[in-house]
């Protein structure tokens, strides 16, 4: 992938796990995993706005992006945040700086601050499923469950092979929207994409299959 394409489309936040997904609250708390540095496996990493030609990235923006990326990789998060914020302000049409800024906010626990740059990244590059997946996680953490579902489903519509979004959709349907059938279908699609070796998700699938329906209230009348 050319550097300019990374700047337009890819998420560069260092990986904490493999899938870029949210964990279920009843599990041991871990940081939400981020996309890997190049994010090619997240699909459509090079895409720009639908139908819009890719603009040439100015040399100054390239240098700023390199500085921000180097700071991020070195653990200088405050410096990286300043660089990405300045770049996002001066070049709002580049999705990468906006998305990384949103991810920095979210990982720092500033969830409300994370949403705006992630939404801007999606507007700048609406065919990038990784942005939509990360936006869905931010929405879910804010309790905006309907918006989270739309974001995950939009990511999947762009890339049906995007396992992380399938998993996050399953978690949302399972734990927050109480849609057991939908959650089971999403988990099974995730396992089909990611491989059956994910024992934790296979355990969730077994739990859903064995979950008893709520007791029937037939014959019980409400007081009048």
Foldseek 3Di string as FASTA:
>chain_A
DDLLLCQQFNAAQDFPDDAQAADFVVDDDDQRTAAHRSNVVLDPRRFWAPPDDDDDDDPVLSVLQVVLNVCNVVVVLVSNLVSLVVSCVVCVLRLHSLQNNLVSCVRVVNLVVSQVSLVSSCVSGVLRLSSLQVNLVSCVVVVVLVSSLVSLVSSCVSPVLRLRSLQNNLSSCVPPVVNLVSSLVSLVSSCVNVPVPPVVSVVVNVCSVPDDDPDDPPPPDDDD
